[in-house]
Amino acid sequence: TLFRSSCAQSLRRATQEVRMLLLAALAVLCGLSASLEEEVCSFEFLRGEDANFCRGNLQIIYPDFDASCKIIPSCAEYQQSLMSEWNAPLVIFPAVDTNKKYVLMMVDPDCPSRANPKCRNWRHWLIVNIKGKDLMKGKLDGKILSEYRRPTPPPGTGYHRYQFFLYEHPEGQEITLTDKESRSFGYWDTDTFVEKFHLGSAKATTQFIAKKD
């Protein structure tokens, strides 16, 4: 009887130890799973027509990544950082002519949505008189006509394209916004603006796509 009692107690202790080991292993596996999920958070490159928009190797660099021609993922808080924390990105154009000046434009053509862009070309950023030698280093010390405004796609409107255009600034040309343009960011007629100041074709264009989950 004593032997049986001792065996029963040993069996219960062993069972408890096995349970503890199983729980510990499960905790490790769960932690590993979460870690792997963070590690596989990656950026998908644009495809098709959206990818064709990207030309000239214009680099749009936020603190943790180059957003050029990519879809911003929702993992690792990239979307939240882009929309509520990070300031203006570093913009680099390797093929710059150091003897020229440039104009940088950032717009959202999908305002309020890509399916119904009734206030298209919402202006997020506009800088003129950027020296080529500075642009090569990502230093945008030109004249700011519109301060940088973070991407803020409304929830439920799907993906928005955030497009960047780089033009040569015509020598001796003063570029300005009208009073009406300065008061409003939406409904901006970029084609008229480009034609008015003789900017010609963009030297480089790129975009990234983001949405508010």
N, C-alpha and C. Protein backbone atom coordinates (compact mmCIF):
# COMPACT_ATOMS: atom_id res chain seq x y z
N THR A 1 0.84 -1.21 0.00
CA THR A 1 0.00 0.00 0.00
C THR A 1 0.86 1.25 0.00
N LEU A 2 1.90 1.22 0.84
CA LEU A 2 2.82 2.35 0.88
C LEU A 2 3.51 2.54 -0.46
N PHE A 3 3.85 1.42 -1.09
CA PHE A 3 4.53 1.49 -2.39
C PHE A 3 3.61 2.11 -3.44
N ARG A 4 2.36 1.66 -3.42
CA ARG A 4 1.40 2.20 -4.39
C ARG A 4 1.17 3.70 -4.18
N SER A 5 1.07 4.11 -2.91
CA SER A 5 0.88 5.53 -2.61
C SER A 5 2.06 6.36 -3.11
N SER A 6 3.27 5.83 -2.88
CA SER A 6 4.48 6.54 -3.33
C SER A 6 4.51 6.65 -4.85
N CYS A 7 4.10 5.58 -5.53
CA CYS A 7 4.06 5.60 -7.00
C CYS A 7 3.05 6.62 -7.50
N ALA A 8 1.90 6.67 -6.84
CA ALA A 8 0.86 7.61 -7.26
C ALA A 8 1.33 9.05 -7.12
N GLN A 9 2.02 9.32 -6.00
CA GLN A 9 2.53 10.69 -5.79
C GLN A 9 3.58 11.04 -6.84
N SER A 10 4.45 10.10 -7.13
CA SER A 10 5.48 10.33 -8.15
C SER A 10 4.87 10.57 -9.51
N LEU A 11 3.80 9.82 -9.80
CA LEU A 11 3.13 9.96 -11.08
C LEU A 11 2.48 11.33 -11.21
N ARG A 12 1.85 11.79 -10.11
CA ARG A 12 1.23 13.11 -10.14
C ARG A 12 2.26 14.20 -10.33
N ARG A 13 3.42 14.07 -9.62
CA ARG A 13 4.48 15.08 -9.77
C ARG A 13 5.01 15.08 -11.21
N ALA A 14 5.18 13.88 -11.75
CA ALA A 14 5.69 13.78 -13.12
C ALA A 14 4.70 14.39 -14.10
N THR A 15 3.43 14.15 -13.86
CA THR A 15 2.40 14.71 -14.74
C THR A 15 2.40 16.23 -14.69
N GLN A 16 2.54 16.78 -13.48
CA GLN A 16 2.61 18.24 -13.33
C GLN A 16 3.82 18.81 -14.04
N GLU A 17 4.96 18.11 -13.90
CA GLU A 17 6.18 18.58 -14.55
C GLU A 17 6.04 18.57 -16.07
N VAL A 18 5.41 17.50 -16.57
CA VAL A 18 5.18 17.41 -18.02
C VAL A 18 4.29 18.55 -18.48
N ARG A 19 3.23 18.83 -17.72
CA ARG A 19 2.35 19.93 -18.08
C ARG A 19 3.08 21.25 -18.11
N MET A 20 3.94 21.46 -17.08
CA MET A 20 4.71 22.71 -17.03
C MET A 20 5.66 22.82 -18.22
N LEU A 21 6.28 21.68 -18.56
CA LEU A 21 7.18 21.69 -19.71
C LEU A 21 6.43 21.98 -21.00
N LEU A 22 5.24 21.40 -21.13
CA LEU A 22 4.43 21.63 -22.32
C LEU A 22 4.00 23.10 -22.42
N LEU A 23 3.60 23.67 -21.27
CA LEU A 23 3.21 25.08 -21.25
C LEU A 23 4.38 25.98 -21.61
N ALA A 24 5.55 25.63 -21.06
CA ALA A 24 6.74 26.42 -21.37
C ALA A 24 7.09 26.33 -22.85
N ALA A 25 6.99 25.10 -23.40
CA ALA A 25 7.27 24.93 -24.83
C ALA A 25 6.27 25.69 -25.69
N LEU A 26 4.99 25.69 -25.25
CA LEU A 26 3.96 26.41 -25.99
C LEU A 26 4.23 27.90 -25.97
N ALA A 27 4.66 28.42 -24.81
CA ALA A 27 4.97 29.85 -24.70
C ALA A 27 6.12 30.22 -25.62
N VAL A 28 7.13 29.34 -25.67
CA VAL A 28 8.28 29.60 -26.56
C VAL A 28 7.84 29.60 -28.02
N LEU A 29 7.00 28.62 -28.36
CA LEU A 29 6.52 28.53 -29.74
C LEU A 29 5.69 29.73 -30.12
N CYS A 30 4.83 30.21 -29.20
CA CYS A 30 4.01 31.39 -29.47
C CYS A 30 4.88 32.62 -29.67
N GLY A 31 5.90 32.72 -28.81
CA GLY A 31 6.82 33.86 -28.95
C GLY A 31 7.57 33.80 -30.25
N LEU A 32 7.99 32.59 -30.63
CA LEU A 32 8.70 32.40 -31.89
C LEU A 32 7.80 32.73 -33.06
N SER A 33 6.53 32.34 -32.96
CA SER A 33 5.58 32.63 -34.03
C SER A 33 5.40 34.11 -34.22
N ALA A 34 5.27 34.84 -33.09
CA ALA A 34 5.11 36.29 -33.17
C ALA A 34 6.35 36.94 -33.76
N SER A 35 7.54 36.39 -33.33
CA SER A 35 8.80 36.93 -33.86
C SER A 35 8.90 36.70 -35.35
N LEU A 36 8.52 35.50 -35.80
CA LEU A 36 8.59 35.19 -37.22
C LEU A 36 7.62 36.06 -38.02
N GLU A 37 6.45 36.33 -37.41
CA GLU A 37 5.48 37.18 -38.10
C GLU A 37 6.03 38.57 -38.33
N GLU A 38 6.77 39.09 -37.30
CA GLU A 38 7.38 40.41 -37.46
C GLU A 38 8.46 40.36 -38.52
N GLU A 39 9.23 39.25 -38.54
CA GLU A 39 10.34 39.16 -39.48
C GLU A 39 9.86 39.10 -40.92
N VAL A 40 8.70 38.48 -41.17
CA VAL A 40 8.23 38.33 -42.54
C VAL A 40 7.45 39.55 -43.03
N CYS A 41 7.32 40.58 -42.17
CA CYS A 41 6.66 41.81 -42.61
C CYS A 41 7.54 42.44 -43.70
N SER A 42 7.03 42.47 -44.91
CA SER A 42 7.84 42.94 -46.03
C SER A 42 7.04 43.86 -46.94
N PHE A 43 7.74 44.53 -47.81
CA PHE A 43 7.13 45.47 -48.74
C PHE A 43 6.94 44.81 -50.10
N GLU A 44 5.77 45.00 -50.64
CA GLU A 44 5.47 44.46 -51.96
C GLU A 44 5.66 45.57 -53.00
N PHE A 45 6.34 45.24 -54.09
CA PHE A 45 6.55 46.23 -55.15
C PHE A 45 5.28 46.39 -55.98
N LEU A 46 5.09 47.59 -56.49
CA LEU A 46 3.94 47.84 -57.35
C LEU A 46 4.07 47.04 -58.65
N ARG A 47 2.93 46.81 -59.28
CA ARG A 47 2.92 46.05 -60.52
C ARG A 47 2.09 46.77 -61.58
N GLY A 48 2.26 46.34 -62.81
CA GLY A 48 1.44 46.83 -63.91
C GLY A 48 1.53 48.33 -64.12
N GLU A 49 0.38 48.95 -64.33
CA GLU A 49 0.32 50.38 -64.61
C GLU A 49 0.90 51.21 -63.48
N ASP A 50 0.67 50.79 -62.23
CA ASP A 50 1.21 51.54 -61.10
C ASP A 50 2.73 51.50 -61.10
N ALA A 51 3.31 50.37 -61.46
CA ALA A 51 4.76 50.24 -61.51
C ALA A 51 5.34 51.07 -62.66
N ASN A 52 4.62 51.15 -63.77
CA ASN A 52 5.10 51.89 -64.93
C ASN A 52 5.24 53.39 -64.65
N PHE A 53 4.52 53.86 -63.64
CA PHE A 53 4.61 55.28 -63.29
C PHE A 53 5.99 55.63 -62.73
N CYS A 54 6.64 54.65 -62.15
CA CYS A 54 7.93 54.88 -61.49
C CYS A 54 9.06 54.86 -62.51
N ARG A 55 9.71 55.98 -62.68
CA ARG A 55 10.84 56.05 -63.62
C ARG A 55 11.83 57.11 -63.18
N GLY A 56 13.08 56.90 -63.48
CA GLY A 56 14.11 57.89 -63.16
C GLY A 56 14.83 57.65 -61.84
N ASN A 57 14.46 56.58 -61.13
CA ASN A 57 15.15 56.22 -59.88
C ASN A 57 15.09 57.34 -58.83
N LEU A 58 13.92 57.94 -58.67
CA LEU A 58 13.72 58.91 -57.61
C LEU A 58 13.48 58.15 -56.30
N GLN A 59 14.28 58.44 -55.30
CA GLN A 59 14.22 57.69 -54.04
C GLN A 59 13.49 58.50 -52.97
N ILE A 60 12.49 57.85 -52.33
CA ILE A 60 11.70 58.49 -51.29
C ILE A 60 11.95 57.70 -50.01
N ILE A 61 12.78 58.23 -49.13
CA ILE A 61 13.29 57.45 -48.01
C ILE A 61 12.74 57.96 -46.68
N TYR A 62 11.92 57.14 -46.06
CA TYR A 62 11.42 57.39 -44.71
C TYR A 62 12.38 56.74 -43.71
N PRO A 63 12.18 56.93 -42.39
CA PRO A 63 13.18 56.43 -41.43
C PRO A 63 13.58 54.97 -41.59
N ASP A 64 12.64 54.09 -41.97
CA ASP A 64 12.96 52.66 -41.99
C ASP A 64 13.00 52.02 -43.37
N PHE A 65 12.71 52.78 -44.43
CA PHE A 65 12.64 52.13 -45.74
C PHE A 65 12.57 53.15 -46.86
N ASP A 66 12.87 52.67 -48.07
CA ASP A 66 12.67 53.45 -49.29
C ASP A 66 11.29 53.08 -49.82
N ALA A 67 10.37 54.06 -49.83
CA ALA A 67 8.98 53.80 -50.20
C ALA A 67 8.75 53.79 -51.71
N SER A 68 9.74 54.12 -52.49
CA SER A 68 9.57 54.26 -53.94
C SER A 68 9.00 53.00 -54.57
N CYS A 69 7.87 53.17 -55.26
CA CYS A 69 7.25 52.10 -56.04
C CYS A 69 6.86 50.89 -55.19
N LYS A 70 6.38 51.12 -53.98
CA LYS A 70 6.01 50.04 -53.07
C LYS A 70 4.61 50.25 -52.49
N ILE A 71 4.05 49.16 -51.97
CA ILE A 71 2.82 49.20 -51.19
C ILE A 71 3.22 49.20 -49.72
N ILE A 72 2.72 50.18 -48.97
CA ILE A 72 3.07 50.27 -47.56
C ILE A 72 2.27 49.22 -46.78
N PRO A 73 2.94 48.28 -46.10
CA PRO A 73 2.21 47.22 -45.39
C PRO A 73 1.64 47.73 -44.07
N SER A 74 0.65 47.01 -43.56
CA SER A 74 0.03 47.39 -42.28
C SER A 74 0.80 46.82 -41.10
N CYS A 75 1.65 45.83 -41.34
CA CYS A 75 2.40 45.22 -40.25
C CYS A 75 3.49 46.16 -39.74
N ALA A 76 3.95 45.84 -38.52
CA ALA A 76 5.06 46.58 -37.89
C ALA A 76 4.79 48.08 -37.76
N GLU A 77 3.52 48.44 -37.78
CA GLU A 77 3.09 49.84 -37.58
C GLU A 77 3.64 50.80 -38.63
N TYR A 78 3.96 50.28 -39.80
CA TYR A 78 4.46 51.16 -40.86
C TYR A 78 3.41 52.20 -41.27
N GLN A 79 2.17 51.74 -41.44
CA GLN A 79 1.12 52.68 -41.86
C GLN A 79 0.93 53.79 -40.83
N GLN A 80 0.84 53.41 -39.56
CA GLN A 80 0.63 54.41 -38.52
C GLN A 80 1.77 55.41 -38.45
N SER A 81 3.00 54.92 -38.55
CA SER A 81 4.17 55.80 -38.51
C SER A 81 4.15 56.77 -39.68
N LEU A 82 3.82 56.27 -40.85
CA LEU A 82 3.77 57.10 -42.05
C LEU A 82 2.73 58.20 -41.92
N MET A 83 1.57 57.86 -41.33
CA MET A 83 0.44 58.78 -41.31
C MET A 83 0.37 59.70 -40.09
N SER A 84 1.09 59.35 -39.03
CA SER A 84 0.95 60.16 -37.82
C SER A 84 2.26 60.52 -37.12
N GLU A 85 3.37 59.96 -37.55
CA GLU A 85 4.62 60.20 -36.81
C GLU A 85 5.74 60.78 -37.66
N TRP A 86 6.01 60.15 -38.79
CA TRP A 86 7.18 60.55 -39.57
C TRP A 86 6.96 61.88 -40.28
N ASN A 87 8.03 62.66 -40.32
CA ASN A 87 8.00 63.92 -41.06
C ASN A 87 8.40 63.66 -42.52
N ALA A 88 8.69 64.73 -43.23
CA ALA A 88 8.99 64.62 -44.66
C ALA A 88 10.12 63.62 -44.92
N PRO A 89 10.01 62.85 -45.99
CA PRO A 89 11.06 61.87 -46.31
C PRO A 89 12.30 62.53 -46.89
N LEU A 90 13.35 61.76 -46.92
CA LEU A 90 14.56 62.15 -47.63
C LEU A 90 14.33 61.85 -49.11
N VAL A 91 14.57 62.81 -49.97
CA VAL A 91 14.36 62.62 -51.41
C VAL A 91 15.71 62.75 -52.12
N ILE A 92 16.08 61.70 -52.86
CA ILE A 92 17.38 61.67 -53.55
C ILE A 92 17.16 61.34 -55.02
N PHE A 93 17.85 62.08 -55.87
CA PHE A 93 17.80 61.83 -57.31
C PHE A 93 19.23 61.66 -57.80
N PRO A 94 19.71 60.42 -57.94
CA PRO A 94 21.11 60.17 -58.29
C PRO A 94 21.52 60.76 -59.64
N ALA A 95 20.57 60.86 -60.59
CA ALA A 95 20.92 61.33 -61.93
C ALA A 95 20.81 62.84 -62.07
N VAL A 96 20.86 63.54 -60.98
CA VAL A 96 20.69 64.99 -60.97
C VAL A 96 21.79 65.71 -61.76
N ASP A 97 21.44 66.84 -62.35
CA ASP A 97 22.42 67.75 -62.96
C ASP A 97 22.75 68.81 -61.90
N THR A 98 23.95 68.78 -61.40
CA THR A 98 24.31 69.66 -60.29
C THR A 98 24.31 71.15 -60.67
N ASN A 99 24.25 71.44 -61.96
CA ASN A 99 24.22 72.84 -62.40
C ASN A 99 22.80 73.39 -62.54
N LYS A 100 21.82 72.55 -62.29
CA LYS A 100 20.43 72.98 -62.46
C LYS A 100 19.70 73.01 -61.12
N LYS A 101 18.50 73.60 -61.18
CA LYS A 101 17.61 73.61 -60.02
C LYS A 101 16.36 72.80 -60.36
N TYR A 102 15.64 72.40 -59.31
CA TYR A 102 14.53 71.47 -59.51
C TYR A 102 13.28 71.88 -58.72
N VAL A 103 12.16 71.29 -59.17
CA VAL A 103 10.87 71.47 -58.51
C VAL A 103 10.37 70.08 -58.10
N LEU A 104 9.97 69.93 -56.85
CA LEU A 104 9.45 68.66 -56.36
C LEU A 104 7.98 68.83 -55.96
N MET A 105 7.16 67.93 -56.46
CA MET A 105 5.72 67.97 -56.21
C MET A 105 5.26 66.61 -55.68
N MET A 106 4.42 66.62 -54.65
CA MET A 106 3.81 65.39 -54.12
C MET A 106 2.30 65.58 -54.07
N VAL A 107 1.55 64.67 -54.68
CA VAL A 107 0.09 64.79 -54.72
C VAL A 107 -0.57 63.44 -54.49
N ASP A 108 -1.84 63.50 -54.08
CA ASP A 108 -2.69 62.32 -53.98
C ASP A 108 -3.77 62.45 -55.06
N PRO A 109 -3.68 61.66 -56.14
CA PRO A 109 -4.66 61.75 -57.21
C PRO A 109 -5.96 60.98 -56.90
N ASP A 110 -6.01 60.35 -55.73
CA ASP A 110 -7.14 59.48 -55.39
C ASP A 110 -7.99 60.05 -54.26
N CYS A 111 -8.10 61.35 -54.21
CA CYS A 111 -8.89 62.00 -53.17
C CYS A 111 -10.33 62.23 -53.65
N PRO A 112 -11.33 61.78 -52.90
CA PRO A 112 -11.26 61.05 -51.63
C PRO A 112 -11.06 59.55 -51.79
N SER A 113 -11.18 59.03 -53.02
CA SER A 113 -10.92 57.60 -53.25
C SER A 113 -10.51 57.41 -54.71
N ARG A 114 -9.89 56.31 -54.99
CA ARG A 114 -9.48 56.02 -56.37
C ARG A 114 -10.69 55.80 -57.26
N ALA A 115 -11.76 55.27 -56.68
CA ALA A 115 -12.98 55.03 -57.45
C ALA A 115 -13.75 56.32 -57.73
N ASN A 116 -13.55 57.34 -56.89
CA ASN A 116 -14.27 58.60 -57.04
C ASN A 116 -13.35 59.77 -56.70
N PRO A 117 -12.37 60.06 -57.55
CA PRO A 117 -11.36 61.09 -57.24
C PRO A 117 -11.83 62.51 -57.56
N LYS A 118 -12.93 62.92 -56.97
CA LYS A 118 -13.53 64.21 -57.33
C LYS A 118 -12.68 65.40 -56.88
N CYS A 119 -11.82 65.23 -55.90
CA CYS A 119 -10.91 66.33 -55.53
C CYS A 119 -9.46 65.89 -55.73
N ARG A 120 -9.23 65.27 -56.87
CA ARG A 120 -7.93 64.69 -57.22
C ARG A 120 -6.80 65.71 -57.14
N ASN A 121 -5.61 65.14 -57.00
CA ASN A 121 -4.37 65.90 -56.90
C ASN A 121 -4.34 66.79 -55.66
N TRP A 122 -4.71 66.18 -54.54
CA TRP A 122 -4.56 66.85 -53.26
C TRP A 122 -3.07 67.08 -53.03
N ARG A 123 -2.70 68.33 -52.82
CA ARG A 123 -1.29 68.71 -52.74
C ARG A 123 -0.74 68.42 -51.34
N HIS A 124 0.29 67.59 -51.30
CA HIS A 124 0.92 67.23 -50.03
C HIS A 124 2.26 67.92 -49.82
N TRP A 125 2.86 68.39 -50.91
CA TRP A 125 4.21 68.96 -50.77
C TRP A 125 4.56 69.66 -52.06
N LEU A 126 5.17 70.83 -51.97
CA LEU A 126 5.65 71.53 -53.17
C LEU A 126 6.85 72.38 -52.80
N ILE A 127 7.99 72.08 -53.42
CA ILE A 127 9.22 72.84 -53.19
C ILE A 127 9.82 73.22 -54.54
N VAL A 128 10.25 74.46 -54.66
CA VAL A 128 10.87 74.94 -55.89
C VAL A 128 12.29 75.43 -55.55
N ASN A 129 13.07 75.74 -56.61
CA ASN A 129 14.42 76.25 -56.43
C ASN A 129 15.33 75.32 -55.63
N ILE A 130 15.19 74.02 -55.87
CA ILE A 130 16.06 73.06 -55.19
C ILE A 130 17.35 72.91 -55.99
N LYS A 131 18.47 73.17 -55.37
CA LYS A 131 19.75 73.05 -56.07
C LYS A 131 20.07 71.59 -56.36
N GLY A 132 20.56 71.35 -57.56
CA GLY A 132 20.88 69.99 -57.96
C GLY A 132 21.88 69.32 -57.04
N LYS A 133 22.90 70.03 -56.64
CA LYS A 133 23.94 69.44 -55.78
C LYS A 133 23.37 69.06 -54.42
N ASP A 134 22.33 69.78 -53.98
CA ASP A 134 21.69 69.43 -52.71
C ASP A 134 20.77 68.22 -52.87
N LEU A 135 20.08 68.17 -53.99
CA LEU A 135 19.15 67.07 -54.26
C LEU A 135 19.89 65.74 -54.34
N MET A 136 21.11 65.76 -54.80
CA MET A 136 21.90 64.54 -54.88
C MET A 136 22.14 63.95 -53.49
N LYS A 137 22.14 64.82 -52.46
CA LYS A 137 22.38 64.38 -51.09
C LYS A 137 21.09 64.25 -50.29
N GLY A 138 19.97 64.54 -50.94
CA GLY A 138 18.71 64.48 -50.22
C GLY A 138 18.43 65.71 -49.39
N LYS A 139 19.09 66.79 -49.72
CA LYS A 139 18.94 68.03 -48.96
C LYS A 139 18.04 68.99 -49.76
N LEU A 140 16.83 69.22 -49.27
CA LEU A 140 15.86 70.03 -50.03
C LEU A 140 15.75 71.43 -49.44
N ASP A 141 16.78 72.23 -49.69
CA ASP A 141 16.81 73.59 -49.17
C ASP A 141 16.29 74.60 -50.18
N GLY A 142 15.19 74.26 -50.85
CA GLY A 142 14.60 75.19 -51.81
C GLY A 142 13.55 76.06 -51.13
N LYS A 143 12.73 76.66 -51.94
CA LYS A 143 11.63 77.50 -51.44
C LYS A 143 10.38 76.62 -51.30
N ILE A 144 9.84 76.55 -50.11
CA ILE A 144 8.67 75.72 -49.85
C ILE A 144 7.39 76.51 -50.15
N LEU A 145 6.63 76.02 -51.12
CA LEU A 145 5.35 76.65 -51.44
C LEU A 145 4.20 75.95 -50.72
N SER A 146 4.38 74.66 -50.42
CA SER A 146 3.42 73.90 -49.61
C SER A 146 4.22 73.01 -48.67
N GLU A 147 4.01 73.20 -47.38
CA GLU A 147 4.69 72.35 -46.40
C GLU A 147 4.27 70.89 -46.57
N TYR A 148 5.14 70.00 -46.16
CA TYR A 148 4.84 68.58 -46.24
C TYR A 148 3.64 68.23 -45.36
N ARG A 149 2.70 67.50 -45.95
CA ARG A 149 1.53 67.00 -45.23
C ARG A 149 1.51 65.48 -45.33
N ARG A 150 1.47 64.83 -44.18
CA ARG A 150 1.52 63.36 -44.16
C ARG A 150 0.36 62.75 -44.94
N PRO A 151 0.57 61.57 -45.53
CA PRO A 151 -0.54 60.85 -46.15
C PRO A 151 -1.63 60.54 -45.11
N THR A 152 -2.87 60.86 -45.44
CA THR A 152 -3.98 60.61 -44.51
C THR A 152 -5.19 60.09 -45.28
N PRO A 153 -5.09 58.92 -45.88
CA PRO A 153 -6.24 58.38 -46.62
C PRO A 153 -7.39 58.09 -45.66
N PRO A 154 -8.61 58.53 -45.97
CA PRO A 154 -9.74 58.25 -45.08
C PRO A 154 -9.99 56.75 -44.95
N PRO A 155 -10.39 56.29 -43.77
CA PRO A 155 -10.69 54.86 -43.59
C PRO A 155 -11.78 54.41 -44.55
N GLY A 156 -11.62 53.23 -45.08
CA GLY A 156 -12.65 52.66 -45.95
C GLY A 156 -12.59 53.13 -47.39
N THR A 157 -11.59 53.92 -47.76
CA THR A 157 -11.50 54.40 -49.14
C THR A 157 -10.48 53.63 -49.97
N GLY A 158 -9.92 52.58 -49.40
CA GLY A 158 -8.98 51.76 -50.14
C GLY A 158 -7.61 52.41 -50.27
N TYR A 159 -6.85 51.86 -51.21
CA TYR A 159 -5.49 52.37 -51.42
C TYR A 159 -5.49 53.71 -52.13
N HIS A 160 -4.60 54.60 -51.67
CA HIS A 160 -4.35 55.88 -52.33
C HIS A 160 -2.93 55.88 -52.87
N ARG A 161 -2.77 56.46 -54.04
CA ARG A 161 -1.43 56.65 -54.61
C ARG A 161 -0.88 57.99 -54.13
N TYR A 162 0.36 57.98 -53.70
CA TYR A 162 1.04 59.22 -53.32
C TYR A 162 2.19 59.39 -54.32
N GLN A 163 1.99 60.36 -55.21
CA GLN A 163 2.86 60.49 -56.37
C GLN A 163 3.83 61.67 -56.22
N PHE A 164 5.05 61.43 -56.68
CA PHE A 164 6.11 62.44 -56.63
C PHE A 164 6.56 62.74 -58.06
N PHE A 165 6.65 64.03 -58.37
CA PHE A 165 7.12 64.50 -59.68
C PHE A 165 8.32 65.41 -59.46
N LEU A 166 9.36 65.17 -60.24
CA LEU A 166 10.54 66.04 -60.17
C LEU A 166 10.73 66.70 -61.53
N TYR A 167 10.74 68.03 -61.53
CA TYR A 167 10.92 68.82 -62.76
C TYR A 167 12.16 69.69 -62.63
N GLU A 168 12.72 70.04 -63.78
CA GLU A 168 13.75 71.08 -63.77
C GLU A 168 13.08 72.43 -63.58
N HIS A 169 13.68 73.25 -62.73
CA HIS A 169 13.18 74.61 -62.53
C HIS A 169 13.78 75.50 -63.61
N PRO A 170 12.94 76.04 -64.52
CA PRO A 170 13.48 76.88 -65.59
C PRO A 170 14.28 78.05 -65.04
N GLU A 171 15.43 78.28 -65.65
CA GLU A 171 16.31 79.35 -65.18
C GLU A 171 15.61 80.71 -65.24
N GLY A 172 15.68 81.43 -64.13
CA GLY A 172 15.09 82.76 -64.07
C GLY A 172 13.58 82.79 -63.87
N GLN A 173 12.93 81.64 -63.81
CA GLN A 173 11.48 81.57 -63.68
C GLN A 173 11.08 81.60 -62.20
N GLU A 174 10.21 82.55 -61.85
CA GLU A 174 9.67 82.58 -60.49
C GLU A 174 8.39 81.75 -60.46
N ILE A 175 8.37 80.77 -59.61
CA ILE A 175 7.22 79.87 -59.52
C ILE A 175 6.47 80.16 -58.22
N THR A 176 5.16 80.35 -58.34
CA THR A 176 4.34 80.68 -57.18
C THR A 176 3.01 79.94 -57.27
N LEU A 177 2.26 79.98 -56.19
CA LEU A 177 0.88 79.52 -56.17
C LEU A 177 -0.03 80.74 -56.13
N THR A 178 -1.18 80.63 -56.75
CA THR A 178 -2.16 81.71 -56.66
C THR A 178 -2.74 81.73 -55.24
N ASP A 179 -3.42 82.82 -54.90
CA ASP A 179 -4.06 82.90 -53.58
C ASP A 179 -5.05 81.76 -53.39
N LYS A 180 -5.79 81.46 -54.45
CA LYS A 180 -6.78 80.38 -54.38
C LYS A 180 -6.10 79.04 -54.14
N GLU A 181 -4.99 78.79 -54.84
CA GLU A 181 -4.26 77.53 -54.67
C GLU A 181 -3.68 77.43 -53.26
N SER A 182 -3.21 78.55 -52.74
CA SER A 182 -2.62 78.55 -51.40
C SER A 182 -3.63 78.25 -50.32
N ARG A 183 -4.89 78.63 -50.57
CA ARG A 183 -5.94 78.43 -49.56
C ARG A 183 -6.51 77.03 -49.58
N SER A 184 -6.33 76.31 -50.69
CA SER A 184 -6.92 74.98 -50.82
C SER A 184 -5.87 73.98 -51.30
N PHE A 185 -5.93 72.76 -50.76
CA PHE A 185 -4.98 71.73 -51.17
C PHE A 185 -5.57 70.79 -52.21
N GLY A 186 -6.88 70.67 -52.21
CA GLY A 186 -7.54 69.77 -53.15
C GLY A 186 -7.87 70.45 -54.47
N TYR A 187 -8.31 69.64 -55.43
CA TYR A 187 -8.73 70.13 -56.74
C TYR A 187 -7.60 70.89 -57.45
N TRP A 188 -6.36 70.51 -57.20
CA TRP A 188 -5.24 71.25 -57.78
C TRP A 188 -5.03 70.79 -59.21
N ASP A 189 -5.04 71.74 -60.13
CA ASP A 189 -4.85 71.45 -61.55
C ASP A 189 -3.34 71.44 -61.83
N THR A 190 -2.75 70.30 -61.69
CA THR A 190 -1.30 70.20 -61.86
C THR A 190 -0.87 70.44 -63.30
N ASP A 191 -1.69 70.02 -64.25
CA ASP A 191 -1.34 70.22 -65.67
C ASP A 191 -1.23 71.71 -65.99
N THR A 192 -2.17 72.49 -65.48
CA THR A 192 -2.14 73.94 -65.71
C THR A 192 -0.93 74.56 -65.03
N PHE A 193 -0.61 74.09 -63.83
CA PHE A 193 0.54 74.59 -63.10
C PHE A 193 1.83 74.32 -63.87
N VAL A 194 1.98 73.10 -64.37
CA VAL A 194 3.18 72.72 -65.12
C VAL A 194 3.29 73.55 -66.40
N GLU A 195 2.18 73.73 -67.08
CA GLU A 195 2.19 74.50 -68.32
C GLU A 195 2.46 75.98 -68.07
N LYS A 196 1.88 76.51 -67.03
CA LYS A 196 2.02 77.94 -66.71
C LYS A 196 3.48 78.32 -66.48
N PHE A 197 4.22 77.45 -65.84
CA PHE A 197 5.60 77.78 -65.49
C PHE A 197 6.62 77.04 -66.38
N HIS A 198 6.13 76.48 -67.48
CA HIS A 198 7.00 75.88 -68.51
C HIS A 198 7.94 74.82 -67.91
N LEU A 199 7.38 73.95 -67.11
CA LEU A 199 8.20 72.92 -66.46
C LEU A 199 8.53 71.76 -67.39
N GLY A 200 7.72 71.57 -68.44
CA GLY A 200 7.99 70.49 -69.38
C GLY A 200 7.70 69.12 -68.77
N SER A 201 8.36 68.12 -69.29
CA SER A 201 8.16 66.75 -68.80
C SER A 201 8.95 66.53 -67.52
N ALA A 202 8.40 65.72 -66.63
CA ALA A 202 9.08 65.41 -65.38
C ALA A 202 10.37 64.63 -65.66
N LYS A 203 11.40 64.95 -64.93
CA LYS A 203 12.68 64.24 -65.06
C LYS A 203 12.64 62.89 -64.36
N ALA A 204 11.79 62.78 -63.36
CA ALA A 204 11.62 61.50 -62.65
C ALA A 204 10.27 61.52 -61.94
N THR A 205 9.67 60.36 -61.84
CA THR A 205 8.41 60.21 -61.12
C THR A 205 8.44 58.90 -60.34
N THR A 206 7.77 58.91 -59.21
CA THR A 206 7.61 57.67 -58.45
C THR A 206 6.37 57.80 -57.59
N GLN A 207 5.99 56.72 -56.94
CA GLN A 207 4.84 56.75 -56.06
C GLN A 207 4.90 55.58 -55.09
N PHE A 208 4.15 55.72 -54.01
CA PHE A 208 3.88 54.57 -53.15
C PHE A 208 2.38 54.54 -52.91
N ILE A 209 1.89 53.41 -52.43
CA ILE A 209 0.46 53.23 -52.22
C ILE A 209 0.23 52.86 -50.76
N ALA A 210 -0.78 53.50 -50.14
CA ALA A 210 -1.08 53.23 -48.74
C ALA A 210 -2.57 53.37 -48.51
N LYS A 211 -3.05 52.70 -47.47
CA LYS A 211 -4.45 52.84 -47.07
C LYS A 211 -4.56 52.85 -45.56
N LYS A 212 -5.69 53.35 -45.07
CA LYS A 212 -5.96 53.38 -43.64
C LYS A 212 -6.84 52.18 -43.31
N ASP A 213 -6.29 51.24 -42.53
CA ASP A 213 -7.06 50.04 -42.18
C ASP A 213 -8.14 50.37 -41.16
